[in-house]
Amino acid sequence: MQVTFQLTPDDYRDGLLAWRNLRSWRRWGFRVLAIWMGLIFLVSVLQLFVAPAHFVSALPGIVFSVVALVFIWYGPSLSGRRQFRNTPSAHDPMTIEASDSGLHIHSIHADSKVSWSAYMAWGECKSVFIILPQPRIYVPIPKRALTPEQLGEFRELLGRNIEPRSK
């Protein structure tokens, strides 16, 4: 199977969200953190209404929780844009040929063949597949480049060749 595509900042954002959801402890950690920060925000705002004179003591909780919630929700978008901007090879079209022996990645910047044994995990979300050569590094492959038949074939190829990690 061969596909050609050009990455976008949204592919990196969605890849980061897929990476974040790849492990259950990470997925639940962000959920618990968001709930915790929401509660801190609510308690701090309620403190302002109950005791307006204690504005100074409520302010750190409000600021800290707002910054944390912005990081949780908008961090992937900011990070995706930064990764796209700082990766020159992402700005040009690339072609990936997937077979049972591995991935052949071709662009104007590189031409490489990588066997499946070089990848430690894979994941997907609504719009991208990610394959991980290292725990914190992922390669996004946008689903928009694949036909519906190729989506199933690629998913099966990944599942067959990259050993699943426990979630």
C-alpha atoms as a PDB file:
ATOM      1  CA  MET A   1       0.000   0.000   0.000  1.00  0.00           C
ATOM      2  CA  GLN A   2       1.340   3.416  -0.941  1.00  0.00           C
ATOM      3  CA  VAL A   3       0.005   6.803   0.174  1.00  0.00           C
ATOM      4  CA  THR A   4       1.161  10.359  -0.398  1.00  0.00           C
ATOM      5  CA  PHE A   5       0.264  13.199   1.953  1.00  0.00           C
ATOM      6  CA  GLN A   6       1.397  16.478   3.402  1.00  0.00           C
ATOM      7  CA  LEU A   7       1.274  16.966   7.162  1.00  0.00           C
ATOM      8  CA  THR A   8      -0.483  19.881   8.847  1.00  0.00           C
ATOM      9  CA  PRO A   9      -0.259  21.358  12.359  1.00  0.00           C
ATOM     10  CA  ASP A  10      -3.565  19.598  13.111  1.00  0.00           C
ATOM     11  CA  ASP A  11      -1.949  16.233  12.326  1.00  0.00           C
ATOM     12  CA  TYR A  12       0.679  16.905  14.984  1.00  0.00           C
ATOM     13  CA  ARG A  13      -1.988  18.064  17.455  1.00  0.00           C
ATOM     14  CA  ASP A  14      -4.113  14.984  16.838  1.00  0.00           C
ATOM     15  CA  GLY A  15      -1.006  12.809  17.015  1.00  0.00           C
ATOM     16  CA  LEU A  16      -0.181  14.264  20.423  1.00  0.00           C
ATOM     17  CA  LEU A  17      -3.726  13.589  21.608  1.00  0.00           C
ATOM     18  CA  ALA A  18      -3.483  10.005  20.301  1.00  0.00           C
ATOM     19  CA  TRP A  19      -0.127   9.630  22.086  1.00  0.00           C
ATOM     20  CA  ARG A  20      -1.670  11.049  25.261  1.00  0.00           C
ATOM     21  CA  ASN A  21      -4.503   8.494  25.054  1.00  0.00           C
ATOM     22  CA  LEU A  22      -2.234   5.560  24.185  1.00  0.00           C
ATOM     23  CA  ARG A  23      -1.619   4.663  27.816  1.00  0.00           C
ATOM     24  CA  SER A  24      -4.547   4.473  30.234  1.00  0.00           C
ATOM     25  CA  TRP A  25      -2.634   6.017  33.163  1.00  0.00           C
ATOM     26  CA  ARG A  26      -1.795   9.057  31.021  1.00  0.00           C
ATOM     27  CA  ARG A  27      -5.351   9.346  29.692  1.00  0.00           C
ATOM     28  CA  TRP A  28      -6.874   9.142  33.179  1.00  0.00           C
ATOM     29  CA  GLY A  29      -4.150  11.334  34.661  1.00  0.00           C
ATOM     30  CA  PHE A  30      -5.128  14.232  32.398  1.00  0.00           C
ATOM     31  CA  ARG A  31      -8.811  13.692  33.140  1.00  0.00           C
ATOM     32  CA  VAL A  32      -8.249  13.676  36.909  1.00  0.00           C
ATOM     33  CA  LEU A  33      -5.982  16.720  36.631  1.00  0.00           C
ATOM     34  CA  ALA A  34      -8.652  18.610  34.654  1.00  0.00           C
ATOM     35  CA  ILE A  35     -11.331  17.742  37.213  1.00  0.00           C
ATOM     36  CA  TRP A  36      -9.033  18.693  40.097  1.00  0.00           C
ATOM     37  CA  MET A  37      -8.136  22.043  38.514  1.00  0.00           C
ATOM     38  CA  GLY A  38     -11.811  22.713  37.786  1.00  0.00           C
ATOM     39  CA  LEU A  39     -12.646  22.096  41.434  1.00  0.00           C
ATOM     40  CA  ILE A  40      -9.838  24.385  42.591  1.00  0.00           C
ATOM     41  CA  PHE A  41     -11.157  27.088  40.262  1.00  0.00           C
ATOM     42  CA  LEU A  42     -14.736  26.705  41.534  1.00  0.00           C
ATOM     43  CA  VAL A  43     -13.706  26.753  45.192  1.00  0.00           C
ATOM     44  CA  SER A  44     -11.539  29.836  44.624  1.00  0.00           C
ATOM     45  CA  VAL A  45     -14.344  31.682  42.820  1.00  0.00           C
ATOM     46  CA  LEU A  46     -16.834  30.699  45.554  1.00  0.00           C
ATOM     47  CA  GLN A  47     -14.372  32.029  48.107  1.00  0.00           C
ATOM     48  CA  LEU A  48     -14.544  35.406  46.352  1.00  0.00           C
ATOM     49  CA  PHE A  49     -18.339  35.494  46.692  1.00  0.00           C
ATOM     50  CA  VAL A  50     -18.409  34.269  50.278  1.00  0.00           C
ATOM     51  CA  ALA A  51     -15.548  36.435  51.551  1.00  0.00           C
ATOM     52  CA  PRO A  52     -14.703  39.211  49.056  1.00  0.00           C
ATOM     53  CA  ALA A  53     -12.178  40.616  51.523  1.00  0.00           C
ATOM     54  CA  HIS A  54     -10.046  37.493  50.991  1.00  0.00           C
ATOM     55  CA  PHE A  55      -9.409  38.287  47.315  1.00  0.00           C
ATOM     56  CA  VAL A  56      -5.647  37.934  47.761  1.00  0.00           C
ATOM     57  CA  SER A  57      -5.954  34.399  49.147  1.00  0.00           C
ATOM     58  CA  ALA A  58      -8.292  33.269  46.328  1.00  0.00           C
ATOM     59  CA  LEU A  59      -6.244  34.735  43.484  1.00  0.00           C
ATOM     60  CA  PRO A  60      -3.437  32.081  43.425  1.00  0.00           C
ATOM     61  CA  GLY A  61      -5.977  29.254  43.169  1.00  0.00           C
ATOM     62  CA  ILE A  62      -7.778  30.961  40.299  1.00  0.00           C
ATOM     63  CA  VAL A  63      -4.588  31.771  38.383  1.00  0.00           C
ATOM     64  CA  PHE A  64      -3.017  28.343  38.942  1.00  0.00           C
ATOM     65  CA  SER A  65      -6.138  26.429  37.928  1.00  0.00           C
ATOM     66  CA  VAL A  66      -6.745  28.573  34.821  1.00  0.00           C
ATOM     67  CA  VAL A  67      -3.129  28.141  33.670  1.00  0.00           C
ATOM     68  CA  ALA A  68      -3.340  24.369  34.232  1.00  0.00           C
ATOM     69  CA  LEU A  69      -6.660  24.069  32.366  1.00  0.00           C
ATOM     70  CA  VAL A  70      -5.294  26.095  29.442  1.00  0.00           C
ATOM     71  CA  PHE A  71      -2.262  23.799  29.358  1.00  0.00           C
ATOM     72  CA  ILE A  72      -4.464  20.674  29.360  1.00  0.00           C
ATOM     73  CA  TRP A  73      -6.884  21.853  26.647  1.00  0.00           C
ATOM     74  CA  TYR A  74      -4.803  24.138  24.422  1.00  0.00           C
ATOM     75  CA  GLY A  75      -1.361  22.636  24.992  1.00  0.00           C
ATOM     76  CA  PRO A  76      -1.704  20.057  22.196  1.00  0.00           C
ATOM     77  CA  SER A  77      -2.694  22.761  19.671  1.00  0.00           C
ATOM     78  CA  LEU A  78       0.221  24.974  20.639  1.00  0.00           C
ATOM     79  CA  SER A  79       2.618  22.047  20.647  1.00  0.00           C
ATOM     80  CA  GLY A  80       1.341  20.775  17.282  1.00  0.00           C
ATOM     81  CA  ARG A  81       1.861  24.164  15.655  1.00  0.00           C
ATOM     82  CA  ARG A  82       5.352  24.440  17.156  1.00  0.00           C
ATOM     83  CA  GLN A  83       6.329  20.933  16.047  1.00  0.00           C
ATOM     84  CA  PHE A  84       5.064  21.595  12.532  1.00  0.00           C
ATOM     85  CA  ARG A  85       6.823  24.952  12.330  1.00  0.00           C
ATOM     86  CA  ASN A  86      10.139  23.518  13.626  1.00  0.00           C
ATOM     87  CA  THR A  87      10.142  20.418  11.404  1.00  0.00           C
ATOM     88  CA  PRO A  88      11.174  21.468   7.883  1.00  0.00           C
ATOM     89  CA  SER A  89      10.473  18.028   6.415  1.00  0.00           C
ATOM     90  CA  ALA A  90       6.816  18.263   7.508  1.00  0.00           C
ATOM     91  CA  HIS A  91       6.162  21.122   5.079  1.00  0.00           C
ATOM     92  CA  ASP A  92       6.645  19.011   1.953  1.00  0.00           C
ATOM     93  CA  PRO A  93       4.696  16.045   0.596  1.00  0.00           C
ATOM     94  CA  MET A  94       5.867  12.598   1.611  1.00  0.00           C
ATOM     95  CA  THR A  95       5.079   9.125   0.396  1.00  0.00           C
ATOM     96  CA  ILE A  96       4.839   6.092   2.637  1.00  0.00           C
ATOM     97  CA  GLU A  97       4.811   2.585   1.297  1.00  0.00           C
ATOM     98  CA  ALA A  98       3.717   0.060   3.908  1.00  0.00           C
ATOM     99  CA  SER A  99       4.343  -3.660   3.499  1.00  0.00           C
ATOM    100  CA  ASP A 100       4.951  -6.669   5.717  1.00  0.00           C
ATOM    101  CA  SER A 101       8.669  -5.844   5.762  1.00  0.00           C
ATOM    102  CA  GLY A 102       8.182  -2.302   7.122  1.00  0.00           C
ATOM    103  CA  LEU A 103       7.720   1.291   6.049  1.00  0.00           C
ATOM    104  CA  HIS A 104       9.452   2.961   3.140  1.00  0.00           C
ATOM    105  CA  ILE A 105       9.287   6.718   3.691  1.00  0.00           C
ATOM    106  CA  HIS A 106      10.193   9.004   0.820  1.00  0.00           C
ATOM    107  CA  SER A 107      10.270  12.806   0.587  1.00  0.00           C
ATOM    108  CA  ILE A 108      12.562  15.436  -0.884  1.00  0.00           C
ATOM    109  CA  HIS A 109      14.423  15.406   2.444  1.00  0.00           C
ATOM    110  CA  ALA A 110      14.870  11.680   3.025  1.00  0.00           C
ATOM    111  CA  ASP A 111      14.450   8.204   1.663  1.00  0.00           C
ATOM    112  CA  SER A 112      14.425   5.516   4.310  1.00  0.00           C
ATOM    113  CA  LYS A 113      13.293   1.973   4.887  1.00  0.00           C
ATOM    114  CA  VAL A 114      12.401   1.085   8.441  1.00  0.00           C
ATOM    115  CA  SER A 115      11.466  -2.414   9.531  1.00  0.00           C
ATOM    116  CA  TRP A 116       8.508  -2.924  11.839  1.00  0.00           C
ATOM    117  CA  SER A 117      10.835  -4.102  14.618  1.00  0.00           C
ATOM    118  CA  ALA A 118      12.055  -0.481  14.963  1.00  0.00           C
ATOM    119  CA  TYR A 119       8.628   0.604  16.196  1.00  0.00           C
ATOM    120  CA  MET A 120       7.536  -0.041  19.747  1.00  0.00           C
ATOM    121  CA  ALA A 121       3.852   0.931  19.605  1.00  0.00           C
ATOM    122  CA  TRP A 122       1.121   2.425  17.493  1.00  0.00           C
ATOM    123  CA  GLY A 123      -2.150   4.185  18.120  1.00  0.00           C
ATOM    124  CA  GLU A 124      -4.889   6.076  16.370  1.00  0.00           C
ATOM    125  CA  CYS A 125      -7.519   8.707  16.868  1.00  0.00           C
ATOM    126  CA  LYS A 126     -10.272  10.028  14.631  1.00  0.00           C
ATOM    127  CA  SER A 127      -7.933  11.640  12.107  1.00  0.00           C
ATOM    128  CA  VAL A 128      -4.432  10.125  12.396  1.00  0.00           C
ATOM    129  CA  PHE A 129      -2.471   6.973  13.020  1.00  0.00           C
ATOM    130  CA  ILE A 130       0.700   7.323  15.068  1.00  0.00           C
ATOM    131  CA  ILE A 131       3.632   4.963  15.154  1.00  0.00           C
ATOM    132  CA  LEU A 132       6.231   5.265  17.875  1.00  0.00           C
ATOM    133  CA  PRO A 133       9.904   4.480  17.290  1.00  0.00           C
ATOM    134  CA  GLN A 134      10.586   5.656  20.872  1.00  0.00           C
ATOM    135  CA  PRO A 135       8.321   6.219  23.887  1.00  0.00           C
ATOM    136  CA  ARG A 136       7.978   9.986  23.392  1.00  0.00           C
ATOM    137  CA  ILE A 137       8.442  10.270  19.633  1.00  0.00           C
ATOM    138  CA  TYR A 138       5.623   9.590  17.214  1.00  0.00           C
ATOM    139  CA  VAL A 139       5.176   9.732  13.466  1.00  0.00           C
ATOM    140  CA  PRO A 140       1.708  10.972  12.450  1.00  0.00           C
ATOM    141  CA  ILE A 141       0.078   9.443   9.383  1.00  0.00           C
ATOM    142  CA  PRO A 142      -3.142  11.260   8.467  1.00  0.00           C
ATOM    143  CA  LYS A 143      -6.149   9.074   7.770  1.00  0.00           C
ATOM    144  CA  ARG A 144      -7.352  11.513   5.096  1.00  0.00           C
ATOM    145  CA  ALA A 145      -4.601  10.141   2.821  1.00  0.00           C
ATOM    146  CA  LEU A 146      -6.065   6.628   2.998  1.00  0.00           C
ATOM    147  CA  THR A 147      -9.123   5.214   1.296  1.00  0.00           C
ATOM    148  CA  PRO A 148     -11.629   3.355   3.504  1.00  0.00           C
ATOM    149  CA  GLU A 149     -10.185   0.023   2.290  1.00  0.00           C
ATOM    150  CA  GLN A 150      -6.643   1.196   2.997  1.00  0.00           C
ATOM    151  CA  LEU A 151      -7.638   2.283   6.522  1.00  0.00           C
ATOM    152  CA  GLY A 152      -8.605  -1.273   7.429  1.00  0.00           C
ATOM    153  CA  GLU A 153      -5.594  -2.740   5.656  1.00  0.00           C
ATOM    154  CA  PHE A 154      -3.189  -0.336   7.382  1.00  0.00           C
ATOM    155  CA  ARG A 155      -4.753  -0.941  10.805  1.00  0.00           C
ATOM    156  CA  GLU A 156      -4.393  -4.699  10.258  1.00  0.00           C
ATOM    157  CA  LEU A 157      -0.791  -4.268   9.076  1.00  0.00           C
ATOM    158  CA  LEU A 158       0.090  -2.277  12.197  1.00  0.00           C
ATOM    159  CA  GLY A 159      -1.634  -4.756  14.486  1.00  0.00           C
ATOM    160  CA  ARG A 160       0.115  -7.683  12.853  1.00  0.00           C
ATOM    161  CA  ASN A 161       3.622  -6.193  12.827  1.00  0.00           C
ATOM    162  CA  ILE A 162       3.941  -3.983  15.913  1.00  0.00           C
ATOM    163  CA  GLU A 163       3.535  -5.836  19.166  1.00  0.00           C
ATOM    164  CA  PRO A 164       0.740  -4.308  21.224  1.00  0.00           C
ATOM    165  CA  ARG A 165       1.605  -2.769  24.545  1.00  0.00           C
ATOM    166  CA  SER A 166      -0.755  -3.109  27.446  1.00  0.00           C
ATOM    167  CA  LYS A 167      -3.070  -0.165  27.890  1.00  0.00           C
END
